Amino acid sequence: MAVKIQSKIVGFEVAAKKGEEPTESPSTLSTPEAPSPPRTLAEVIQLQPVLRRPEDLEGSTYKIKTPLFEHAFYVTINDIVVQGRRRPFEIFINSKNMDNFAWIVALTRVMSAVFRHGGDATFLVEEMRSVFDPRGGYFKPGGKYMPSLVAEIGECIERHLIKIGMLSPPELSPELIAKRQAVAESGALGSGQCPKCGQMAVTRLDGCDTCLECGYSKCG
């Protein structure tokens, strides 16, 4: 006998044949799921607010003259005042030497981006000072060894951060201060290269070779 269905089917039940037990539970018709919304790119989480540039900034320019290139490099670091304290905001490096133009522009843009994000930028000093040129480094006037041009740029940033109070100057031990004073009174000058720090600051003091830069002594 045909039965006309007047309402929507929401479930069904299997009828048992004669002599069989009915099924324990009815099954439910599955309805098609609504299509999921399209996936979008995850939102970028800003750990620090990006600093906005004022119209006027104060800064300092440092000159780098290396024996590797004919023309000098001029490193300019401009500062912004945040909560009454100065911090670097942008950096520019200019030179008549165009051999390194591409990587210098890339370096300054990346460092400026780090400065503008308002976080701790002091880590740049150590990262840059540890860069070694595979062609070899050079000695600055006065005998200080620089492993690369990038390392000296890092030293300029360190000088600037010390100047504006973001870094503390390196502390000297009383022993090293006494050694420098004794050498200054004797009129001796550092002439040998230190095997520890690489600086041309090793002099003969009390019958022992001593580095006036890091305090290394051959006698222990």
N, C-alpha and C. Protein backbone atom coordinates (compact mmCIF):
# COMPACT_ATOMS: atom_id res chain seq x y z
N MET A 1 0.84 -1.19 0.00
CA MET A 1 0.00 0.00 0.00
C MET A 1 0.88 1.24 0.00
N ALA A 2 0.69 2.11 -0.92
CA ALA A 2 1.50 3.33 -1.02
C ALA A 2 1.02 4.36 -0.03
N VAL A 3 2.01 5.03 0.62
CA VAL A 3 1.69 6.07 1.60
C VAL A 3 2.29 7.38 1.10
N LYS A 4 1.52 8.44 1.06
CA LYS A 4 2.01 9.74 0.63
C LYS A 4 2.61 10.48 1.82
N ILE A 5 3.86 10.88 1.66
CA ILE A 5 4.57 11.59 2.74
C ILE A 5 4.21 13.06 2.67
N GLN A 6 3.69 13.63 3.75
CA GLN A 6 3.23 15.00 3.78
C GLN A 6 4.23 15.96 4.46
N SER A 7 5.24 15.42 5.18
CA SER A 7 6.20 16.29 5.90
C SER A 7 7.62 15.87 5.57
N LYS A 8 8.57 16.68 6.03
CA LYS A 8 9.99 16.43 5.76
C LYS A 8 10.47 15.23 6.56
N ILE A 9 11.26 14.37 5.92
CA ILE A 9 11.79 13.18 6.58
C ILE A 9 13.00 13.59 7.42
N VAL A 10 12.95 13.32 8.70
CA VAL A 10 14.06 13.65 9.60
C VAL A 10 14.69 12.41 10.20
N GLY A 11 14.16 11.23 9.92
CA GLY A 11 14.72 10.01 10.44
C GLY A 11 14.02 8.82 9.82
N PHE A 12 14.57 7.68 10.06
CA PHE A 12 13.92 6.48 9.54
C PHE A 12 14.20 5.31 10.46
N GLU A 13 13.48 4.25 10.27
CA GLU A 13 13.59 3.08 11.10
C GLU A 13 13.43 1.85 10.23
N VAL A 14 14.29 0.87 10.45
CA VAL A 14 14.24 -0.36 9.65
C VAL A 14 13.23 -1.31 10.28
N ALA A 15 12.25 -1.65 9.48
CA ALA A 15 11.21 -2.55 10.00
C ALA A 15 11.73 -3.98 9.97
N ALA A 16 11.54 -4.68 11.02
CA ALA A 16 12.01 -6.06 11.11
C ALA A 16 11.02 -6.99 10.44
N LYS A 17 11.58 -8.03 9.84
CA LYS A 17 10.71 -9.04 9.27
C LYS A 17 10.10 -9.88 10.36
N LYS A 18 9.13 -10.65 9.99
CA LYS A 18 8.48 -11.51 10.97
C LYS A 18 9.49 -12.50 11.54
N GLY A 19 9.49 -12.63 12.81
CA GLY A 19 10.42 -13.55 13.47
C GLY A 19 11.75 -12.91 13.83
N GLU A 20 11.99 -11.66 13.42
CA GLU A 20 13.24 -10.96 13.75
C GLU A 20 12.95 -9.85 14.75
N GLU A 21 13.98 -9.55 15.55
CA GLU A 21 13.84 -8.47 16.53
C GLU A 21 14.09 -7.13 15.84
N PRO A 22 13.38 -6.10 16.23
CA PRO A 22 13.60 -4.78 15.63
C PRO A 22 14.98 -4.24 16.00
N THR A 23 15.49 -3.33 15.20
CA THR A 23 16.78 -2.70 15.47
C THR A 23 16.69 -1.91 16.76
N GLU A 24 17.87 -1.79 17.42
CA GLU A 24 17.88 -1.15 18.74
C GLU A 24 17.61 0.35 18.67
N SER A 25 18.15 1.03 17.68
CA SER A 25 17.99 2.48 17.64
C SER A 25 17.85 2.94 16.21
N PRO A 26 17.03 3.93 15.99
CA PRO A 26 16.86 4.43 14.63
C PRO A 26 18.05 5.26 14.21
N SER A 27 18.29 5.28 12.92
CA SER A 27 19.36 6.11 12.37
C SER A 27 18.79 7.46 12.01
N THR A 28 19.61 8.45 12.01
CA THR A 28 19.20 9.82 11.68
C THR A 28 19.79 10.21 10.36
N LEU A 29 19.00 10.81 9.54
CA LEU A 29 19.52 11.26 8.25
C LEU A 29 20.52 12.38 8.47
N SER A 30 21.63 12.32 7.76
CA SER A 30 22.63 13.37 7.86
C SER A 30 22.29 14.50 6.91
N THR A 31 22.39 15.69 7.40
CA THR A 31 22.13 16.87 6.56
C THR A 31 23.46 17.43 6.08
N PRO A 32 23.52 17.94 4.89
CA PRO A 32 24.77 18.49 4.38
C PRO A 32 25.23 19.68 5.19
N GLU A 33 26.54 19.70 5.49
CA GLU A 33 27.10 20.80 6.28
C GLU A 33 27.24 22.05 5.42
N ALA A 34 27.12 23.18 6.10
CA ALA A 34 27.29 24.46 5.39
C ALA A 34 28.75 24.61 5.00
N PRO A 35 29.02 25.15 3.84
CA PRO A 35 30.42 25.32 3.41
C PRO A 35 31.17 26.25 4.34
N SER A 36 32.41 25.83 4.70
CA SER A 36 33.24 26.65 5.59
C SER A 36 33.72 27.89 4.88
N PRO A 37 33.85 29.00 5.61
CA PRO A 37 34.33 30.24 4.97
C PRO A 37 35.75 30.08 4.47
N PRO A 38 36.10 30.79 3.43
CA PRO A 38 37.46 30.68 2.89
C PRO A 38 38.50 31.11 3.90
N ARG A 39 39.64 30.43 3.88
CA ARG A 39 40.71 30.76 4.82
C ARG A 39 41.41 32.05 4.41
N THR A 40 41.77 32.82 5.41
CA THR A 40 42.49 34.06 5.16
C THR A 40 43.84 33.99 5.85
N LEU A 41 44.75 34.85 5.45
CA LEU A 41 46.07 34.90 6.07
C LEU A 41 45.95 35.33 7.52
N ALA A 42 46.77 34.73 8.37
CA ALA A 42 46.75 35.09 9.79
C ALA A 42 47.18 36.54 9.98
N GLU A 43 46.56 37.18 10.93
CA GLU A 43 46.92 38.57 11.21
C GLU A 43 48.29 38.62 11.87
N VAL A 44 49.07 39.63 11.49
CA VAL A 44 50.41 39.80 12.05
C VAL A 44 50.28 40.41 13.44
N ILE A 45 50.92 39.78 14.41
CA ILE A 45 50.88 40.28 15.78
C ILE A 45 52.07 41.19 16.01
N GLN A 46 51.82 42.45 16.31
CA GLN A 46 52.87 43.41 16.56
C GLN A 46 53.28 43.32 18.03
N LEU A 47 54.53 42.89 18.28
CA LEU A 47 55.01 42.80 19.65
C LEU A 47 55.32 44.17 20.22
N GLN A 48 55.74 45.09 19.36
CA GLN A 48 56.04 46.45 19.78
C GLN A 48 55.39 47.41 18.79
N PRO A 49 54.90 48.55 19.25
CA PRO A 49 54.31 49.51 18.32
C PRO A 49 55.39 50.13 17.43
N VAL A 50 55.04 50.36 16.18
CA VAL A 50 55.97 50.98 15.25
C VAL A 50 56.00 52.48 15.53
N LEU A 51 57.19 53.03 15.72
CA LEU A 51 57.33 54.46 16.02
C LEU A 51 57.11 55.29 14.77
N ARG A 52 56.42 56.41 14.93
CA ARG A 52 56.20 57.32 13.82
C ARG A 52 57.28 58.39 13.79
N ARG A 53 57.66 58.78 12.59
CA ARG A 53 58.75 59.74 12.45
C ARG A 53 58.26 61.16 12.62
N PRO A 54 58.86 61.93 13.54
CA PRO A 54 58.54 63.35 13.64
C PRO A 54 59.15 64.12 12.46
N GLU A 55 58.81 65.39 12.37
CA GLU A 55 59.35 66.21 11.28
C GLU A 55 60.85 66.42 11.43
N ASP A 56 61.30 66.65 12.67
CA ASP A 56 62.72 66.95 12.92
C ASP A 56 63.30 65.91 13.86
N LEU A 57 64.54 65.47 13.54
CA LEU A 57 65.26 64.52 14.38
C LEU A 57 66.68 65.02 14.59
N GLU A 58 67.22 64.73 15.77
CA GLU A 58 68.62 65.03 16.06
C GLU A 58 69.44 63.75 15.94
N GLY A 59 70.68 63.92 15.51
CA GLY A 59 71.53 62.74 15.36
C GLY A 59 72.99 63.09 15.33
N SER A 60 73.81 62.08 15.03
CA SER A 60 75.26 62.24 14.96
C SER A 60 75.78 61.50 13.74
N THR A 61 76.89 62.00 13.22
CA THR A 61 77.53 61.38 12.05
C THR A 61 78.94 60.94 12.44
N TYR A 62 79.29 59.71 12.05
CA TYR A 62 80.59 59.14 12.38
C TYR A 62 81.31 58.79 11.08
N LYS A 63 82.60 59.10 11.04
CA LYS A 63 83.41 58.86 9.85
C LYS A 63 84.18 57.55 9.98
N ILE A 64 84.14 56.75 8.94
CA ILE A 64 84.89 55.50 8.88
C ILE A 64 85.85 55.57 7.70
N LYS A 65 87.13 55.49 7.97
CA LYS A 65 88.15 55.50 6.91
C LYS A 65 88.96 54.23 7.03
N THR A 66 88.83 53.38 6.05
CA THR A 66 89.54 52.11 6.07
C THR A 66 90.59 52.07 4.97
N PRO A 67 91.65 51.27 5.16
CA PRO A 67 92.65 51.11 4.09
C PRO A 67 92.14 50.26 2.93
N LEU A 68 90.94 49.70 3.05
CA LEU A 68 90.40 48.85 1.99
C LEU A 68 89.79 49.66 0.85
N PHE A 69 89.38 50.89 1.13
CA PHE A 69 88.70 51.70 0.13
C PHE A 69 89.30 53.10 0.10
N GLU A 70 89.23 53.71 -1.06
CA GLU A 70 89.80 55.04 -1.22
C GLU A 70 88.99 56.10 -0.50
N HIS A 71 87.66 55.97 -0.58
CA HIS A 71 86.78 56.99 0.00
C HIS A 71 86.27 56.55 1.36
N ALA A 72 86.01 57.55 2.20
CA ALA A 72 85.52 57.28 3.56
C ALA A 72 84.01 57.00 3.53
N PHE A 73 83.54 56.40 4.63
CA PHE A 73 82.11 56.15 4.83
C PHE A 73 81.63 57.04 5.98
N TYR A 74 80.43 57.58 5.83
CA TYR A 74 79.86 58.45 6.85
C TYR A 74 78.55 57.82 7.35
N VAL A 75 78.56 57.48 8.63
CA VAL A 75 77.41 56.81 9.25
C VAL A 75 76.64 57.85 10.06
N THR A 76 75.39 58.08 9.68
CA THR A 76 74.52 59.04 10.36
C THR A 76 73.40 58.29 11.07
N ILE A 77 73.27 58.51 12.36
CA ILE A 77 72.22 57.89 13.17
C ILE A 77 71.36 59.00 13.77
N ASN A 78 70.08 59.00 13.43
CA ASN A 78 69.13 59.98 13.98
C ASN A 78 68.32 59.35 15.10
N ASP A 79 68.01 60.17 16.11
CA ASP A 79 67.35 59.68 17.31
C ASP A 79 65.94 60.25 17.44
N ILE A 80 65.12 59.52 18.18
CA ILE A 80 63.78 59.98 18.56
C ILE A 80 63.69 59.92 20.07
N VAL A 81 62.90 60.81 20.65
CA VAL A 81 62.73 60.84 22.11
C VAL A 81 61.45 60.10 22.46
N VAL A 82 61.58 59.04 23.25
CA VAL A 82 60.44 58.23 23.69
C VAL A 82 60.44 58.21 25.22
N GLN A 83 59.38 58.74 25.82
CA GLN A 83 59.25 58.79 27.28
C GLN A 83 60.46 59.46 27.91
N GLY A 84 60.89 60.53 27.29
CA GLY A 84 61.99 61.33 27.84
C GLY A 84 63.38 60.77 27.58
N ARG A 85 63.48 59.67 26.84
CA ARG A 85 64.78 59.07 26.56
C ARG A 85 65.03 59.00 25.07
N ARG A 86 66.27 59.22 24.69
CA ARG A 86 66.63 59.13 23.28
C ARG A 86 66.90 57.69 22.89
N ARG A 87 66.48 57.34 21.69
CA ARG A 87 66.76 56.03 21.14
C ARG A 87 66.92 56.18 19.63
N PRO A 88 67.72 55.34 18.98
CA PRO A 88 67.93 55.48 17.53
C PRO A 88 66.64 55.20 16.76
N PHE A 89 66.44 55.96 15.69
CA PHE A 89 65.24 55.80 14.87
C PHE A 89 65.57 55.40 13.44
N GLU A 90 66.68 55.90 12.91
CA GLU A 90 67.05 55.58 11.53
C GLU A 90 68.56 55.74 11.36
N ILE A 91 69.10 55.08 10.34
CA ILE A 91 70.54 55.13 10.08
C ILE A 91 70.77 55.24 8.58
N PHE A 92 71.75 56.06 8.22
CA PHE A 92 72.13 56.24 6.82
C PHE A 92 73.64 56.09 6.71
N ILE A 93 74.10 55.52 5.61
CA ILE A 93 75.54 55.38 5.35
C ILE A 93 75.80 55.93 3.95
N ASN A 94 76.64 56.93 3.86
CA ASN A 94 76.95 57.58 2.58
C ASN A 94 78.43 57.47 2.28
N SER A 95 78.76 57.35 1.00
CA SER A 95 80.15 57.30 0.56
C SER A 95 80.20 57.52 -0.95
N LYS A 96 81.33 58.02 -1.42
CA LYS A 96 81.54 58.13 -2.86
C LYS A 96 81.84 56.77 -3.49
N ASN A 97 82.21 55.83 -2.65
CA ASN A 97 82.49 54.47 -3.13
C ASN A 97 81.17 53.75 -3.41
N MET A 98 80.93 53.36 -4.65
CA MET A 98 79.69 52.72 -5.05
C MET A 98 79.80 51.19 -5.12
N ASP A 99 80.97 50.65 -4.78
CA ASP A 99 81.15 49.19 -4.88
C ASP A 99 80.22 48.44 -3.93
N ASN A 100 79.96 49.01 -2.77
CA ASN A 100 79.15 48.34 -1.76
C ASN A 100 77.75 48.95 -1.63
N PHE A 101 77.31 49.68 -2.65
CA PHE A 101 76.07 50.44 -2.54
C PHE A 101 74.87 49.55 -2.22
N ALA A 102 74.73 48.42 -2.92
CA ALA A 102 73.53 47.59 -2.78
C ALA A 102 73.39 47.03 -1.37
N TRP A 103 74.45 46.40 -0.84
CA TRP A 103 74.32 45.78 0.48
C TRP A 103 74.28 46.81 1.59
N ILE A 104 74.88 47.98 1.37
CA ILE A 104 74.81 49.03 2.39
C ILE A 104 73.39 49.59 2.49
N VAL A 105 72.74 49.81 1.35
CA VAL A 105 71.35 50.28 1.38
C VAL A 105 70.45 49.24 2.05
N ALA A 106 70.66 47.96 1.72
CA ALA A 106 69.86 46.91 2.35
C ALA A 106 70.10 46.87 3.86
N LEU A 107 71.36 47.01 4.27
CA LEU A 107 71.70 46.96 5.70
C LEU A 107 71.06 48.12 6.45
N THR A 108 71.14 49.33 5.90
CA THR A 108 70.57 50.49 6.60
C THR A 108 69.05 50.40 6.69
N ARG A 109 68.41 49.87 5.67
CA ARG A 109 66.95 49.75 5.72
C ARG A 109 66.50 48.72 6.76
N VAL A 110 67.23 47.62 6.84
CA VAL A 110 66.87 46.61 7.84
C VAL A 110 67.11 47.15 9.25
N MET A 111 68.24 47.81 9.48
CA MET A 111 68.52 48.34 10.81
C MET A 111 67.53 49.44 11.19
N SER A 112 67.17 50.30 10.24
CA SER A 112 66.19 51.35 10.52
C SER A 112 64.84 50.73 10.88
N ALA A 113 64.47 49.63 10.21
CA ALA A 113 63.22 48.94 10.54
C ALA A 113 63.26 48.39 11.96
N VAL A 114 64.42 47.86 12.37
CA VAL A 114 64.56 47.35 13.74
C VAL A 114 64.43 48.50 14.74
N PHE A 115 65.06 49.64 14.44
CA PHE A 115 64.99 50.80 15.34
C PHE A 115 63.54 51.27 15.50
N ARG A 116 62.78 51.32 14.41
CA ARG A 116 61.43 51.90 14.44
C ARG A 116 60.42 51.01 15.13
N HIS A 117 60.73 49.74 15.33
CA HIS A 117 59.78 48.86 16.01
C HIS A 117 59.85 48.98 17.52
N GLY A 118 60.71 49.84 18.02
CA GLY A 118 60.67 50.20 19.42
C GLY A 118 61.19 49.18 20.40
N GLY A 119 61.72 48.07 19.95
CA GLY A 119 62.24 47.07 20.87
C GLY A 119 63.70 47.33 21.24
N ASP A 120 64.32 46.33 21.83
CA ASP A 120 65.72 46.43 22.22
C ASP A 120 66.59 46.20 20.99
N ALA A 121 67.30 47.25 20.55
CA ALA A 121 68.12 47.16 19.36
C ALA A 121 69.60 47.01 19.68
N THR A 122 69.95 46.86 20.95
CA THR A 122 71.36 46.80 21.31
C THR A 122 72.03 45.52 20.81
N PHE A 123 71.23 44.48 20.50
CA PHE A 123 71.80 43.23 20.02
C PHE A 123 72.50 43.40 18.67
N LEU A 124 72.16 44.46 17.92
CA LEU A 124 72.78 44.69 16.62
C LEU A 124 74.29 44.90 16.75
N VAL A 125 74.71 45.49 17.86
CA VAL A 125 76.14 45.77 18.05
C VAL A 125 76.95 44.48 18.03
N GLU A 126 76.54 43.51 18.85
CA GLU A 126 77.28 42.26 18.95
C GLU A 126 77.20 41.45 17.66
N GLU A 127 76.03 41.48 17.01
CA GLU A 127 75.87 40.73 15.77
C GLU A 127 76.78 41.28 14.68
N MET A 128 76.88 42.59 14.57
CA MET A 128 77.67 43.19 13.50
C MET A 128 79.17 43.12 13.79
N ARG A 129 79.55 43.25 15.06
CA ARG A 129 80.97 43.20 15.40
C ARG A 129 81.56 41.80 15.25
N SER A 130 80.70 40.81 15.13
CA SER A 130 81.19 39.44 14.96
C SER A 130 81.28 39.02 13.49
N VAL A 131 81.04 39.96 12.56
CA VAL A 131 81.12 39.65 11.13
C VAL A 131 82.58 39.78 10.68
N PHE A 132 83.10 38.73 10.05
CA PHE A 132 84.48 38.71 9.58
C PHE A 132 84.49 38.71 8.06
N ASP A 133 85.39 39.50 7.49
CA ASP A 133 85.55 39.56 6.05
C ASP A 133 86.47 38.41 5.63
N PRO A 134 86.05 37.56 4.69
CA PRO A 134 86.92 36.45 4.27
C PRO A 134 88.21 36.92 3.62
N ARG A 135 88.24 38.16 3.14
CA ARG A 135 89.47 38.70 2.54
C ARG A 135 90.43 39.23 3.59
N GLY A 136 90.00 39.28 4.82
CA GLY A 136 90.85 39.78 5.90
C GLY A 136 90.39 41.14 6.38
N GLY A 137 90.73 41.45 7.63
CA GLY A 137 90.36 42.73 8.22
C GLY A 137 91.45 43.77 8.03
N TYR A 138 91.46 44.76 8.92
CA TYR A 138 92.43 45.85 8.81
C TYR A 138 92.62 46.48 10.19
N PHE A 139 93.66 47.26 10.33
CA PHE A 139 93.95 47.96 11.57
C PHE A 139 93.58 49.43 11.43
N LYS A 140 92.86 49.93 12.42
CA LYS A 140 92.52 51.34 12.46
C LYS A 140 93.73 52.15 12.95
N PRO A 141 93.72 53.46 12.72
CA PRO A 141 94.77 54.29 13.30
C PRO A 141 94.80 54.12 14.82
N GLY A 142 95.95 53.81 15.37
CA GLY A 142 96.08 53.52 16.78
C GLY A 142 96.26 52.04 17.06
N GLY A 143 96.08 51.20 16.02
CA GLY A 143 96.38 49.78 16.16
C GLY A 143 95.21 48.89 16.47
N LYS A 144 93.98 49.42 16.53
CA LYS A 144 92.83 48.57 16.83
C LYS A 144 92.43 47.79 15.60
N TYR A 145 92.24 46.49 15.76
CA TYR A 145 91.94 45.61 14.63
C TYR A 145 90.44 45.54 14.39
N MET A 146 90.06 45.64 13.12
CA MET A 146 88.67 45.51 12.71
C MET A 146 88.56 44.31 11.74
N PRO A 147 87.72 43.31 12.07
CA PRO A 147 87.63 42.14 11.19
C PRO A 147 86.90 42.40 9.88
N SER A 148 86.14 43.51 9.79
CA SER A 148 85.41 43.82 8.56
C SER A 148 84.86 45.23 8.65
N LEU A 149 84.40 45.75 7.50
CA LEU A 149 83.75 47.05 7.49
C LEU A 149 82.44 47.00 8.27
N VAL A 150 81.72 45.90 8.18
CA VAL A 150 80.47 45.75 8.92
C VAL A 150 80.73 45.83 10.42
N ALA A 151 81.84 45.23 10.88
CA ALA A 151 82.19 45.27 12.29
C ALA A 151 82.44 46.70 12.76
N GLU A 152 83.07 47.51 11.90
CA GLU A 152 83.32 48.90 12.30
C GLU A 152 82.02 49.71 12.30
N ILE A 153 81.09 49.39 11.40
CA ILE A 153 79.78 50.04 11.46
C ILE A 153 79.10 49.68 12.78
N GLY A 154 79.24 48.42 13.19
CA GLY A 154 78.70 48.01 14.49
C GLY A 154 79.35 48.77 15.64
N GLU A 155 80.64 49.05 15.52
CA GLU A 155 81.32 49.83 16.57
C GLU A 155 80.79 51.26 16.61
N CYS A 156 80.47 51.84 15.44
CA CYS A 156 79.87 53.18 15.40
C CYS A 156 78.52 53.18 16.12
N ILE A 157 77.73 52.14 15.89
CA ILE A 157 76.43 52.04 16.57
C ILE A 157 76.64 51.91 18.08
N GLU A 158 77.65 51.14 18.49
CA GLU A 158 77.93 51.00 19.91
C GLU A 158 78.31 52.34 20.52
N ARG A 159 79.19 53.09 19.86
CA ARG A 159 79.57 54.42 20.36
C ARG A 159 78.36 55.32 20.50
N HIS A 160 77.44 55.23 19.54
CA HIS A 160 76.26 56.09 19.59
C HIS A 160 75.34 55.68 20.73
N LEU A 161 75.14 54.37 20.92
CA LEU A 161 74.27 53.91 21.99
C LEU A 161 74.84 54.25 23.37
N ILE A 162 76.16 54.22 23.49
CA ILE A 162 76.79 54.65 24.75
C ILE A 162 76.58 56.14 24.94
N LYS A 163 76.67 56.89 23.86
CA LYS A 163 76.53 58.35 23.91
C LYS A 163 75.14 58.77 24.39
N ILE A 164 74.08 58.05 23.92
CA ILE A 164 72.73 58.44 24.29
C ILE A 164 72.23 57.70 25.52
N GLY A 165 73.07 56.85 26.11
CA GLY A 165 72.72 56.20 27.37
C GLY A 165 72.02 54.88 27.26
N MET A 166 71.93 54.29 26.07
CA MET A 166 71.29 52.98 25.93
C MET A 166 72.22 51.84 26.29
N LEU A 167 73.53 52.07 26.21
CA LEU A 167 74.53 51.08 26.61
C LEU A 167 75.47 51.70 27.61
N SER A 168 75.99 50.88 28.48
CA SER A 168 76.99 51.36 29.43
C SER A 168 78.37 51.11 28.87
N PRO A 169 79.30 52.03 29.10
CA PRO A 169 80.68 51.79 28.61
C PRO A 169 81.27 50.56 29.27
N PRO A 170 82.15 49.85 28.57
CA PRO A 170 82.74 48.63 29.15
C PRO A 170 83.51 48.95 30.43
N GLU A 171 83.30 48.11 31.43
CA GLU A 171 83.98 48.31 32.71
C GLU A 171 85.39 47.73 32.65
N LEU A 172 86.33 48.48 33.18
CA LEU A 172 87.73 48.05 33.23
C LEU A 172 88.06 47.57 34.63
N SER A 173 88.79 46.48 34.69
CA SER A 173 89.19 45.95 36.00
C SER A 173 90.25 46.86 36.60
N PRO A 174 90.35 46.90 37.92
CA PRO A 174 91.39 47.73 38.57
C PRO A 174 92.80 47.34 38.11
N GLU A 175 93.02 46.03 37.84
CA GLU A 175 94.34 45.59 37.38
C GLU A 175 94.68 46.20 36.02
N LEU A 176 93.70 46.21 35.11
CA LEU A 176 93.96 46.75 33.78
C LEU A 176 94.16 48.26 33.84
N ILE A 177 93.40 48.94 34.69
CA ILE A 177 93.58 50.39 34.85
C ILE A 177 94.98 50.70 35.37
N ALA A 178 95.44 49.89 36.34
CA ALA A 178 96.78 50.09 36.90
C ALA A 178 97.86 49.85 35.85
N LYS A 179 97.66 48.83 35.00
CA LYS A 179 98.63 48.54 33.95
C LYS A 179 98.69 49.68 32.93
N ARG A 180 97.55 50.20 32.55
CA ARG A 180 97.54 51.31 31.60
C ARG A 180 98.20 52.55 32.18
N GLN A 181 97.96 52.79 33.45
CA GLN A 181 98.58 53.94 34.10
C GLN A 181 100.09 53.78 34.18
N ALA A 182 100.55 52.55 34.51
CA ALA A 182 101.99 52.31 34.59
C ALA A 182 102.66 52.49 33.23
N VAL A 183 102.00 52.03 32.18
CA VAL A 183 102.56 52.18 30.84
C VAL A 183 102.57 53.65 30.43
N ALA A 184 101.52 54.38 30.77
CA ALA A 184 101.47 55.80 30.43
C ALA A 184 102.57 56.59 31.14
N GLU A 185 102.84 56.23 32.39
CA GLU A 185 103.90 56.93 33.13
C GLU A 185 105.28 56.60 32.58
N SER A 186 105.44 55.37 32.07
CA SER A 186 106.75 54.99 31.53
C SER A 186 106.97 55.48 30.11
N GLY A 187 105.89 55.89 29.45
CA GLY A 187 106.01 56.39 28.08
C GLY A 187 106.05 55.30 27.03
N ALA A 188 105.84 54.04 27.43
CA ALA A 188 105.87 52.94 26.46
C ALA A 188 104.57 52.92 25.65
N LEU A 189 104.66 52.38 24.45
CA LEU A 189 103.50 52.28 23.57
C LEU A 189 103.28 50.83 23.17
N GLY A 190 102.03 50.49 22.99
CA GLY A 190 101.72 49.14 22.53
C GLY A 190 102.15 48.96 21.08
N SER A 191 102.88 47.88 20.80
CA SER A 191 103.39 47.68 19.45
C SER A 191 103.13 46.27 18.92
N GLY A 192 102.84 45.33 19.82
CA GLY A 192 102.60 43.96 19.38
C GLY A 192 101.12 43.64 19.30
N GLN A 193 100.78 42.62 18.52
CA GLN A 193 99.39 42.23 18.37
C GLN A 193 99.01 41.21 19.42
N CYS A 194 97.86 41.44 20.06
CA CYS A 194 97.40 40.55 21.13
C CYS A 194 96.84 39.27 20.51
N PRO A 195 97.26 38.10 20.99
CA PRO A 195 96.71 36.85 20.45
C PRO A 195 95.28 36.58 20.88
N LYS A 196 94.78 37.33 21.87
CA LYS A 196 93.43 37.11 22.37
C LYS A 196 92.41 38.01 21.68
N CYS A 197 92.67 39.34 21.67
CA CYS A 197 91.69 40.27 21.09
C CYS A 197 92.11 40.80 19.72
N GLY A 198 93.36 40.55 19.32
CA GLY A 198 93.82 40.97 18.00
C GLY A 198 94.24 42.41 17.89
N GLN A 199 94.23 43.17 18.98
CA GLN A 199 94.59 44.58 18.92
C GLN A 199 96.11 44.76 19.01
N MET A 200 96.57 45.83 18.37
CA MET A 200 98.00 46.16 18.44
C MET A 200 98.26 46.95 19.72
N ALA A 201 98.12 46.30 20.84
CA ALA A 201 98.22 46.97 22.13
C ALA A 201 99.06 46.21 23.13
N VAL A 202 99.94 45.30 22.66
CA VAL A 202 100.77 44.51 23.56
C VAL A 202 102.09 45.25 23.80
N THR A 203 102.42 45.42 25.06
CA THR A 203 103.66 46.09 25.43
C THR A 203 104.36 45.30 26.55
N ARG A 204 105.62 45.59 26.73
CA ARG A 204 106.41 44.90 27.76
C ARG A 204 106.22 45.61 29.09
N LEU A 205 105.68 44.87 30.06
CA LEU A 205 105.40 45.48 31.36
C LEU A 205 105.85 44.50 32.45
N ASP A 206 106.80 44.95 33.29
CA ASP A 206 107.36 44.12 34.36
C ASP A 206 107.93 42.81 33.82
N GLY A 207 108.57 42.89 32.67
CA GLY A 207 109.20 41.72 32.08
C GLY A 207 108.23 40.75 31.43
N CYS A 208 107.00 41.20 31.18
CA CYS A 208 105.99 40.29 30.61
C CYS A 208 105.19 41.05 29.56
N ASP A 209 104.88 40.36 28.44
CA ASP A 209 104.05 40.97 27.40
C ASP A 209 102.62 41.06 27.89
N THR A 210 102.07 42.30 27.87
CA THR A 210 100.73 42.56 28.40
C THR A 210 99.93 43.37 27.39
N CYS A 211 98.67 42.98 27.17
CA CYS A 211 97.78 43.72 26.28
C CYS A 211 97.06 44.79 27.07
N LEU A 212 97.17 46.04 26.59
CA LEU A 212 96.52 47.16 27.27
C LEU A 212 95.05 47.31 26.87
N GLU A 213 94.59 46.49 25.93
CA GLU A 213 93.22 46.58 25.48
C GLU A 213 92.30 45.63 26.26
N CYS A 214 92.71 44.37 26.40
CA CYS A 214 91.85 43.38 27.07
C CYS A 214 92.46 42.84 28.36
N GLY A 215 93.74 43.19 28.65
CA GLY A 215 94.37 42.74 29.87
C GLY A 215 95.10 41.41 29.78
N TYR A 216 95.16 40.83 28.59
CA TYR A 216 95.84 39.54 28.41
C TYR A 216 97.31 39.67 28.78
N SER A 217 97.83 38.66 29.49
CA SER A 217 99.23 38.65 29.88
C SER A 217 99.82 37.29 29.56
N LYS A 218 100.99 37.31 28.95
CA LYS A 218 101.65 36.07 28.60
C LYS A 218 102.09 35.29 29.82
N CYS A 219 102.28 36.00 30.92
CA CYS A 219 102.72 35.35 32.15
C CYS A 219 101.55 34.83 32.99
N GLY A 220 100.32 35.06 32.51
CA GLY A 220 99.17 34.56 33.23
C GLY A 220 98.57 35.59 34.17
